[in-house]
Amino acid sequence: MGRFQDKIVLVTGGTTGIGRAAVMMFAREGARVVFTGRRREPGEKLAEELSNENLEAEFIISDVSCPDEVSSLTKSIEKKYRTLHIAFNNAGIDGEPGRILECSLENWNRVLDINLSGLFYSMKYELALMTKNKGGCIINNISVSGHRGYPGAPAYIASKHGAAGLTKAAAMEYAHAGIRINGVSPGLIRTPMTDKDRERKEDYDDWVSKVEPLGRIGEAEEVAEAVLWLASDASSYITGHLLAVDGGILAK
């Protein structure tokens, strides 16, 4: 306990799944957590839950695809806390399934707006605050889809490949400023996003056992543990790295 005592931590997309698990872990390790999402009800519910544990977590409704909202978010953090030590950029969507000919322009633009442009806006304003204070740590949620291709999700795969490149580019640009920037690449993780896959696919559990070398779906907490490790002093010599938390998918 207390690895992040009094550290100021921002988690985007923090109301469900991996983001929610990370918010809870950071708060329970002593951090002062600000987390965002586009839906008010789950955000306020999580903030209340953590407050009942006497932990510090503040929910701010925000859409990362809107640069003005991201700028306002970081300004409010600076006004209240004067600094930002750690950011976990987790916000993202998978979009509608379908191959390139079936991918609507609306779906393409929406997925890229949130997953790639939203990541750019988030890092742009986070870095502006971190460079003022000469240090910090950023972890981006990449996904194994940022490392490989497969049919049926062109917008998602393109956005995550872009996020992987943006993470590495930013790490090289700001290493001299004392800011470490890494990514986590989850495989099949039990979240609301993969719950939709379960509904679409027959014999989902059998499919998972064949796709995942470890033979099971991962848990959001397992990814959050990796995020906290990358945010901690235990990984102080690591930057520009994309850490797979994928049960071995990328090793195949």
Foldseek 3Di string as FASTA:
>chain_A
DQLQAAAEEEEEPQLWFLNVLLQVVNQVNHYQYEYEEQDDVSQVVSCVVVVVVVTHYHYDYAALLDLVRLLVVLVVCCVVPVAHAEYEYEDAAQFFWDFPVPQDPVRLVVRLSRLAVSVVSNCVNNVVRQLVVQAHEYEYEQACLLVDDDGTRVSNSVSSVNVLVVQLVVQVVCVVSHYAGEYEHEAAEPIPRCVVVVVVDPPVLVVQQVQAVQRGGHYSNLRSVVVVCRRGCVVSPDHSYYHYPYNCNVVD
